[in-house]
Protein backbone atom coordinates (compact mmCIF):
# COMPACT_ATOMS: atom_id res chain seq x y z
CA MET A 1 6.77 48.05 -61.03
CA ARG A 2 7.38 50.54 -58.26
CA THR A 3 8.45 54.08 -59.20
CA LYS A 4 11.21 55.76 -57.27
CA ASN A 5 10.49 59.04 -55.57
CA PHE A 6 12.54 62.19 -56.34
CA TRP A 7 12.33 63.31 -52.71
CA VAL A 8 13.98 60.09 -51.54
CA LEU A 9 16.87 60.74 -53.94
CA LEU A 10 17.19 64.34 -52.75
CA LEU A 11 17.17 63.28 -49.10
CA LEU A 12 19.77 60.57 -49.70
CA MET A 13 22.04 62.97 -51.59
CA LEU A 14 21.78 65.61 -48.87
CA ALA A 15 22.57 62.95 -46.26
CA GLY A 16 25.57 61.83 -48.35
CA ILE A 17 26.86 65.40 -48.62
CA VAL A 18 26.44 66.10 -44.90
CA LEU A 19 27.92 62.80 -43.73
CA GLY A 20 30.76 63.08 -46.25
CA GLY A 21 31.59 66.58 -45.06
CA PHE A 22 31.44 65.46 -41.44
CA ILE A 23 33.76 62.50 -42.09
CA GLY A 24 36.10 64.77 -44.07
CA SER A 25 36.34 67.28 -41.24
CA ILE A 26 36.94 64.53 -38.67
CA SER A 27 39.69 62.91 -40.76
CA GLU A 28 41.53 66.21 -41.31
CA GLY A 29 44.09 65.51 -38.59
CA VAL A 30 44.61 61.81 -39.36
CA ALA A 31 47.76 61.24 -41.44
CA GLY A 32 46.43 58.50 -43.73
CA LEU A 33 42.97 60.00 -44.20
CA SER A 34 43.72 63.71 -44.60
CA TRP A 35 43.06 63.44 -48.36
CA LEU A 36 39.35 63.05 -47.59
CA ASN A 37 39.18 66.73 -46.59
CA PHE A 38 40.88 67.90 -49.80
CA GLY A 39 38.56 70.10 -51.82
CA GLN A 40 37.58 73.49 -53.08
CA SER A 41 35.33 76.22 -51.68
CA PHE A 42 33.02 78.26 -53.88
CA GLY A 43 30.83 81.20 -53.03
CA LEU A 44 30.88 84.73 -51.68
CA ASP A 45 33.86 85.73 -49.52
CA THR A 46 31.94 88.58 -47.95
CA PRO A 47 28.16 88.53 -47.64
CA LEU A 48 26.02 90.88 -49.72
CA VAL A 49 24.15 93.31 -47.45
CA LEU A 50 21.07 95.26 -48.55
CA ASN A 51 20.17 98.04 -46.13
CA PHE A 52 16.69 99.51 -46.62
CA GLY A 53 16.73 101.63 -43.48
CA ILE A 54 14.22 99.65 -41.42
CA LEU A 55 15.10 96.30 -43.00
CA VAL A 56 18.56 94.82 -43.48
CA ILE A 57 18.90 91.71 -45.64
CA THR A 58 22.15 89.74 -45.75
CA PHE A 59 22.87 87.20 -48.50
CA GLY A 60 25.71 84.73 -48.27
CA LEU A 61 26.52 81.39 -49.86
CA SER A 62 29.54 79.16 -49.51
CA ILE A 63 29.90 75.60 -50.76
CA LYS A 64 32.84 73.36 -49.95
CA ILE A 65 33.22 70.29 -52.16
CA THR A 66 35.53 67.67 -50.65
CA MET A 67 36.58 64.18 -51.63
CA ALA A 68 34.57 62.74 -48.73
CA GLY A 69 31.50 64.64 -49.91
CA ILE A 70 31.87 63.23 -53.42
CA ILE A 71 32.22 59.71 -52.01
CA GLY A 72 29.12 60.33 -49.88
CA VAL A 73 27.10 61.38 -52.95
CA VAL A 74 28.26 58.32 -54.91
CA LEU A 75 27.29 56.05 -52.01
CA ALA A 76 23.89 57.80 -51.78
CA LEU A 77 23.30 57.16 -55.49
CA LEU A 78 24.24 53.50 -55.05
CA VAL A 79 21.84 53.18 -52.12
CA TYR A 80 19.11 54.83 -54.21
CA ARG A 81 19.62 52.33 -57.03
CA TRP A 82 19.54 49.49 -54.51
CA ILE A 83 16.23 50.48 -52.87
């Protein structure tokens, strides 16, 4: 029996998130498909800046979860089960 690799699952899920977000942003202006871009954003509104004089570090994180992204993750999981 062949074991499934964690990295394959991670790659498929990232591909599902990216493709789902892309499809959601494309379908934003289409009347029947605008629900695909419905979602919520989480994260920092303004980035956190640490200034050490000679070194400035900026931290920022924003995640947008959309319906298309969720569908992409579900499809990625189905593909992972199939392979």
